[in-house]
Amino acid sequence: QVQLVESGGGLVQAGGSLRLSCTASRSVFSINIMGWFRQTPGKQRDMVATITQGGNTAYADSVQGRFTLSRDNAKNTIYLQMNSLKPEDTGVYYCAQDYYDDYEEWGSWGQGTQVTVSS
């Protein structure tokens, strides 16, 4: 089973930018769909963005136009570029793989990386 490690989180002021990375323990070439999720205390983990092997992306309405997801199969890594950050973007960000290509069964969760956006 692939292991995923997130990095790149931190504290940033509103309007700033961060780039999150998710690096896999093995090749992600065989993984069709990967995604980023955000969780805040007391709330469920919500999908932020997804990307297919072919590079097709989808975003939550709340981040559309501000976040960009990309993948580098040669580096076994996916990236989430976050611009124009808002305080409501605060949370722990996790990456995961879609086990059955159905956008439902996600797994191989990493430990997460904290993003805090101050107003």
N, C-alpha and C. Protein backbone atom coordinates (compact mmCIF):
# COMPACT_ATOMS: atom_id res chain seq x y z
N GLN A 1 0.84 -1.19 0.00
CA GLN A 1 0.00 0.00 0.00
C GLN A 1 0.88 1.24 0.00
N VAL A 2 0.51 2.20 -0.80
CA VAL A 2 1.30 3.42 -0.89
C VAL A 2 1.16 4.23 0.39
N GLN A 3 2.24 4.87 0.78
CA GLN A 3 2.21 5.81 1.90
C GLN A 3 2.37 7.21 1.35
N LEU A 4 1.57 8.12 1.88
CA LEU A 4 1.57 9.50 1.41
C LEU A 4 2.03 10.43 2.53
N VAL A 5 2.89 11.38 2.18
CA VAL A 5 3.42 12.32 3.15
C VAL A 5 3.17 13.74 2.65
N GLU A 6 2.41 14.48 3.45
CA GLU A 6 2.10 15.86 3.10
C GLU A 6 3.12 16.81 3.72
N SER A 7 3.37 17.93 3.06
CA SER A 7 4.25 18.95 3.60
C SER A 7 3.90 20.29 2.98
N GLY A 8 4.46 21.35 3.54
CA GLY A 8 4.28 22.67 2.96
C GLY A 8 3.32 23.58 3.69
N GLY A 9 2.68 23.08 4.72
CA GLY A 9 1.76 23.92 5.46
C GLY A 9 2.50 24.97 6.28
N GLY A 10 1.73 25.86 6.88
CA GLY A 10 2.32 26.89 7.70
C GLY A 10 1.33 27.97 8.03
N LEU A 11 1.85 29.05 8.57
CA LEU A 11 1.05 30.22 8.94
C LEU A 11 1.26 31.31 7.90
N VAL A 12 0.18 31.84 7.39
CA VAL A 12 0.27 32.87 6.36
C VAL A 12 -0.84 33.88 6.57
N GLN A 13 -0.61 35.10 6.17
CA GLN A 13 -1.65 36.12 6.27
C GLN A 13 -2.64 35.98 5.13
N ALA A 14 -3.82 36.46 5.36
CA ALA A 14 -4.85 36.45 4.32
C ALA A 14 -4.31 37.15 3.08
N GLY A 15 -4.60 36.55 1.94
CA GLY A 15 -4.09 37.06 0.68
C GLY A 15 -2.78 36.43 0.24
N GLY A 16 -2.16 35.71 1.14
CA GLY A 16 -0.88 35.08 0.83
C GLY A 16 -1.04 33.76 0.11
N SER A 17 0.09 33.08 -0.08
CA SER A 17 0.13 31.83 -0.84
C SER A 17 0.93 30.76 -0.11
N LEU A 18 0.57 29.53 -0.37
CA LEU A 18 1.33 28.37 0.08
C LEU A 18 1.26 27.31 -1.01
N ARG A 19 2.28 26.46 -1.04
CA ARG A 19 2.24 25.29 -1.92
C ARG A 19 2.41 24.04 -1.08
N LEU A 20 1.41 23.20 -1.12
CA LEU A 20 1.46 21.93 -0.42
C LEU A 20 1.97 20.84 -1.35
N SER A 21 2.71 19.91 -0.78
CA SER A 21 3.20 18.76 -1.54
C SER A 21 2.72 17.48 -0.89
N CYS A 22 2.47 16.50 -1.71
CA CYS A 22 2.10 15.16 -1.24
C CYS A 22 2.98 14.18 -2.01
N THR A 23 3.89 13.55 -1.28
CA THR A 23 4.85 12.64 -1.91
C THR A 23 4.51 11.20 -1.52
N ALA A 24 4.51 10.35 -2.52
CA ALA A 24 4.16 8.95 -2.30
C ALA A 24 5.41 8.09 -2.14
N SER A 25 5.23 6.97 -1.44
CA SER A 25 6.36 6.07 -1.17
C SER A 25 6.73 5.23 -2.39
N ARG A 26 5.87 5.22 -3.37
CA ARG A 26 6.17 4.50 -4.61
C ARG A 26 5.55 5.26 -5.77
N SER A 27 5.73 4.74 -6.95
CA SER A 27 5.22 5.41 -8.14
C SER A 27 3.71 5.64 -8.06
N VAL A 28 3.30 6.82 -8.43
CA VAL A 28 1.87 7.13 -8.47
C VAL A 28 1.33 7.00 -9.88
N PHE A 29 2.16 6.47 -10.77
CA PHE A 29 1.72 6.36 -12.15
C PHE A 29 0.49 5.47 -12.27
N SER A 30 0.41 4.46 -11.41
CA SER A 30 -0.71 3.53 -11.47
C SER A 30 -1.93 4.01 -10.72
N ILE A 31 -1.81 5.13 -10.03
CA ILE A 31 -2.94 5.69 -9.28
C ILE A 31 -3.65 6.70 -10.17
N ASN A 32 -4.89 6.42 -10.51
CA ASN A 32 -5.59 7.32 -11.43
C ASN A 32 -5.96 8.64 -10.77
N ILE A 33 -6.68 8.55 -9.66
CA ILE A 33 -7.21 9.77 -9.06
C ILE A 33 -6.59 9.98 -7.67
N MET A 34 -6.11 11.18 -7.46
CA MET A 34 -5.62 11.59 -6.14
C MET A 34 -6.30 12.90 -5.78
N GLY A 35 -6.31 13.16 -4.48
CA GLY A 35 -7.02 14.35 -4.06
C GLY A 35 -6.47 14.96 -2.79
N TRP A 36 -6.87 16.19 -2.56
CA TRP A 36 -6.57 16.91 -1.32
C TRP A 36 -7.88 17.16 -0.57
N PHE A 37 -7.80 17.03 0.74
CA PHE A 37 -8.95 17.24 1.61
C PHE A 37 -8.54 18.19 2.73
N ARG A 38 -9.54 18.84 3.30
CA ARG A 38 -9.30 19.75 4.43
C ARG A 38 -10.23 19.38 5.57
N GLN A 39 -9.67 19.42 6.76
CA GLN A 39 -10.46 19.14 7.96
C GLN A 39 -10.22 20.20 9.00
N THR A 40 -11.31 20.67 9.60
CA THR A 40 -11.24 21.60 10.71
C THR A 40 -11.85 20.93 11.94
N PRO A 41 -11.49 21.40 13.14
CA PRO A 41 -11.96 20.74 14.36
C PRO A 41 -13.49 20.60 14.40
N GLY A 42 -13.94 19.42 14.69
CA GLY A 42 -15.36 19.17 14.83
C GLY A 42 -16.12 18.99 13.54
N LYS A 43 -15.41 19.04 12.44
CA LYS A 43 -16.07 18.91 11.14
C LYS A 43 -15.50 17.74 10.35
N GLN A 44 -16.24 17.31 9.38
CA GLN A 44 -15.78 16.20 8.55
C GLN A 44 -14.70 16.67 7.60
N ARG A 45 -14.02 15.70 7.03
CA ARG A 45 -12.98 15.99 6.07
C ARG A 45 -13.63 16.27 4.71
N ASP A 46 -13.41 17.45 4.19
CA ASP A 46 -14.05 17.85 2.93
C ASP A 46 -13.06 17.83 1.78
N MET A 47 -13.54 17.44 0.64
CA MET A 47 -12.72 17.42 -0.56
C MET A 47 -12.42 18.84 -1.01
N VAL A 48 -11.17 19.09 -1.33
CA VAL A 48 -10.76 20.41 -1.82
C VAL A 48 -10.51 20.37 -3.32
N ALA A 49 -9.76 19.35 -3.76
CA ALA A 49 -9.42 19.26 -5.18
C ALA A 49 -9.02 17.83 -5.51
N THR A 50 -9.26 17.46 -6.76
CA THR A 50 -8.87 16.13 -7.23
C THR A 50 -8.20 16.26 -8.58
N ILE A 51 -7.38 15.23 -8.90
CA ILE A 51 -6.69 15.22 -10.17
C ILE A 51 -6.60 13.79 -10.67
N THR A 52 -6.81 13.62 -11.98
CA THR A 52 -6.70 12.30 -12.58
C THR A 52 -5.31 12.11 -13.16
N GLN A 53 -5.04 10.88 -13.57
CA GLN A 53 -3.76 10.58 -14.20
C GLN A 53 -3.54 11.44 -15.43
N GLY A 54 -4.60 11.75 -16.12
CA GLY A 54 -4.50 12.57 -17.32
C GLY A 54 -4.41 14.06 -17.06
N GLY A 55 -4.48 14.42 -15.79
CA GLY A 55 -4.34 15.83 -15.45
C GLY A 55 -5.65 16.59 -15.34
N ASN A 56 -6.76 15.89 -15.43
CA ASN A 56 -8.05 16.56 -15.26
C ASN A 56 -8.26 16.88 -13.78
N THR A 57 -8.63 18.12 -13.52
CA THR A 57 -8.79 18.56 -12.14
C THR A 57 -10.22 18.99 -11.86
N ALA A 58 -10.56 18.93 -10.60
CA ALA A 58 -11.85 19.41 -10.12
C ALA A 58 -11.63 20.06 -8.76
N TYR A 59 -12.39 21.12 -8.50
CA TYR A 59 -12.19 21.89 -7.29
C TYR A 59 -13.50 22.14 -6.57
N ALA A 60 -13.40 22.26 -5.25
CA ALA A 60 -14.56 22.71 -4.48
C ALA A 60 -14.86 24.15 -4.88
N ASP A 61 -16.11 24.51 -4.82
CA ASP A 61 -16.51 25.87 -5.20
C ASP A 61 -15.75 26.93 -4.41
N SER A 62 -15.47 26.61 -3.16
CA SER A 62 -14.86 27.59 -2.27
C SER A 62 -13.41 27.93 -2.64
N VAL A 63 -12.78 27.06 -3.44
CA VAL A 63 -11.37 27.30 -3.79
C VAL A 63 -11.17 27.50 -5.29
N GLN A 64 -12.24 27.33 -6.05
CA GLN A 64 -12.15 27.48 -7.51
C GLN A 64 -11.55 28.83 -7.86
N GLY A 65 -10.57 28.81 -8.74
CA GLY A 65 -9.94 30.06 -9.17
C GLY A 65 -8.80 30.51 -8.29
N ARG A 66 -8.66 29.90 -7.13
CA ARG A 66 -7.57 30.29 -6.21
C ARG A 66 -6.55 29.17 -6.02
N PHE A 67 -7.00 27.95 -6.08
CA PHE A 67 -6.13 26.78 -5.87
C PHE A 67 -5.88 26.08 -7.20
N THR A 68 -4.69 25.54 -7.34
CA THR A 68 -4.34 24.77 -8.53
C THR A 68 -3.65 23.48 -8.12
N LEU A 69 -4.19 22.38 -8.61
CA LEU A 69 -3.64 21.06 -8.29
C LEU A 69 -2.88 20.53 -9.51
N SER A 70 -1.71 19.99 -9.25
CA SER A 70 -0.91 19.42 -10.34
C SER A 70 -0.22 18.16 -9.83
N ARG A 71 0.27 17.36 -10.75
CA ARG A 71 0.98 16.15 -10.34
C ARG A 71 2.23 15.97 -11.19
N ASP A 72 3.25 15.43 -10.55
CA ASP A 72 4.51 15.12 -11.22
C ASP A 72 4.78 13.65 -10.97
N ASN A 73 4.42 12.83 -11.92
CA ASN A 73 4.57 11.39 -11.73
C ASN A 73 6.03 10.98 -11.57
N ALA A 74 6.93 11.69 -12.22
CA ALA A 74 8.35 11.36 -12.12
C ALA A 74 8.86 11.54 -10.69
N LYS A 75 8.25 12.45 -9.96
CA LYS A 75 8.65 12.71 -8.57
C LYS A 75 7.69 12.08 -7.57
N ASN A 76 6.72 11.33 -8.08
CA ASN A 76 5.72 10.68 -7.20
C ASN A 76 5.05 11.70 -6.29
N THR A 77 4.76 12.87 -6.82
CA THR A 77 4.28 13.96 -5.99
C THR A 77 3.12 14.70 -6.67
N ILE A 78 2.17 15.11 -5.84
CA ILE A 78 1.15 16.04 -6.31
C ILE A 78 1.29 17.32 -5.50
N TYR A 79 0.92 18.42 -6.13
CA TYR A 79 1.10 19.73 -5.51
C TYR A 79 -0.24 20.47 -5.48
N LEU A 80 -0.44 21.22 -4.42
CA LEU A 80 -1.60 22.09 -4.32
C LEU A 80 -1.11 23.51 -4.11
N GLN A 81 -1.19 24.30 -5.16
CA GLN A 81 -0.81 25.71 -5.08
C GLN A 81 -2.03 26.49 -4.59
N MET A 82 -1.87 27.17 -3.48
CA MET A 82 -2.97 27.89 -2.87
C MET A 82 -2.66 29.39 -2.88
N ASN A 83 -3.43 30.15 -3.60
CA ASN A 83 -3.25 31.59 -3.68
C ASN A 83 -4.45 32.32 -3.10
N SER A 84 -4.26 33.59 -2.83
CA SER A 84 -5.34 34.43 -2.28
C SER A 84 -6.01 33.75 -1.10
N LEU A 85 -5.20 33.27 -0.20
CA LEU A 85 -5.73 32.50 0.92
C LEU A 85 -6.63 33.34 1.82
N LYS A 86 -7.63 32.67 2.36
CA LYS A 86 -8.60 33.30 3.25
C LYS A 86 -8.58 32.60 4.61
N PRO A 87 -9.00 33.26 5.66
CA PRO A 87 -9.04 32.61 6.98
C PRO A 87 -9.84 31.30 6.96
N GLU A 88 -10.88 31.24 6.15
CA GLU A 88 -11.69 30.02 6.09
C GLU A 88 -10.98 28.86 5.40
N ASP A 89 -9.81 29.10 4.84
CA ASP A 89 -9.00 28.01 4.29
C ASP A 89 -8.21 27.28 5.36
N THR A 90 -8.24 27.80 6.56
CA THR A 90 -7.52 27.19 7.67
C THR A 90 -8.00 25.78 7.94
N GLY A 91 -7.06 24.89 8.20
CA GLY A 91 -7.39 23.51 8.52
C GLY A 91 -6.18 22.61 8.33
N VAL A 92 -6.40 21.33 8.59
CA VAL A 92 -5.37 20.33 8.31
C VAL A 92 -5.67 19.76 6.92
N TYR A 93 -4.69 19.77 6.08
CA TYR A 93 -4.84 19.30 4.70
C TYR A 93 -4.23 17.92 4.56
N TYR A 94 -5.01 17.03 3.96
CA TYR A 94 -4.59 15.66 3.75
C TYR A 94 -4.67 15.33 2.26
N CYS A 95 -3.76 14.47 1.82
CA CYS A 95 -3.92 13.93 0.48
C CYS A 95 -4.28 12.45 0.59
N ALA A 96 -4.85 11.93 -0.47
CA ALA A 96 -5.31 10.55 -0.47
C ALA A 96 -5.42 10.04 -1.90
N GLN A 97 -5.52 8.73 -2.01
CA GLN A 97 -5.77 8.12 -3.31
C GLN A 97 -7.18 7.59 -3.36
N ASP A 98 -7.73 7.60 -4.54
CA ASP A 98 -9.07 7.07 -4.76
C ASP A 98 -8.93 5.60 -5.14
N TYR A 99 -9.41 4.72 -4.26
CA TYR A 99 -9.17 3.30 -4.47
C TYR A 99 -9.88 2.74 -5.70
N TYR A 100 -11.09 3.23 -5.97
CA TYR A 100 -11.91 2.61 -7.00
C TYR A 100 -12.32 3.58 -8.11
N ASP A 101 -11.65 4.73 -8.16
CA ASP A 101 -11.95 5.72 -9.20
C ASP A 101 -13.41 6.14 -9.19
N ASP A 102 -13.97 6.25 -8.01
CA ASP A 102 -15.38 6.61 -7.91
C ASP A 102 -15.59 7.88 -7.10
N TYR A 103 -14.51 8.52 -6.70
CA TYR A 103 -14.55 9.72 -5.88
C TYR A 103 -15.28 9.47 -4.55
N GLU A 104 -15.32 8.22 -4.14
CA GLU A 104 -16.01 7.85 -2.90
C GLU A 104 -15.09 7.16 -1.89
N GLU A 105 -14.33 6.20 -2.36
CA GLU A 105 -13.51 5.38 -1.46
C GLU A 105 -12.07 5.89 -1.48
N TRP A 106 -11.75 6.72 -0.50
CA TRP A 106 -10.44 7.33 -0.42
C TRP A 106 -9.64 6.67 0.70
N GLY A 107 -8.33 6.62 0.50
CA GLY A 107 -7.50 6.00 1.52
C GLY A 107 -6.04 6.35 1.37
N SER A 108 -5.21 5.64 2.12
CA SER A 108 -3.77 5.90 2.21
C SER A 108 -3.51 7.30 2.73
N TRP A 109 -4.32 7.71 3.68
CA TRP A 109 -4.21 9.07 4.22
C TRP A 109 -2.83 9.30 4.84
N GLY A 110 -2.28 10.49 4.58
CA GLY A 110 -1.06 10.89 5.25
C GLY A 110 -1.36 11.46 6.62
N GLN A 111 -0.34 12.05 7.23
CA GLN A 111 -0.50 12.60 8.58
C GLN A 111 -1.10 14.00 8.55
N GLY A 112 -1.14 14.59 7.37
CA GLY A 112 -1.72 15.92 7.23
C GLY A 112 -0.69 17.02 7.46
N THR A 113 -1.02 18.20 6.95
CA THR A 113 -0.17 19.37 7.17
C THR A 113 -1.08 20.55 7.52
N GLN A 114 -0.73 21.26 8.56
CA GLN A 114 -1.58 22.35 9.08
C GLN A 114 -1.39 23.62 8.26
N VAL A 115 -2.50 24.19 7.87
CA VAL A 115 -2.50 25.50 7.20
C VAL A 115 -3.31 26.46 8.07
N THR A 116 -2.70 27.56 8.43
CA THR A 116 -3.38 28.57 9.23
C THR A 116 -3.28 29.91 8.52
N VAL A 117 -4.43 30.49 8.25
CA VAL A 117 -4.49 31.78 7.55
C VAL A 117 -5.02 32.81 8.53
N SER A 118 -4.22 33.79 8.82
CA SER A 118 -4.63 34.83 9.76
C SER A 118 -5.26 36.00 9.02
N SER A 119 -6.20 36.64 9.70
CA SER A 119 -6.91 37.76 9.06
C SER A 119 -6.20 39.08 9.31
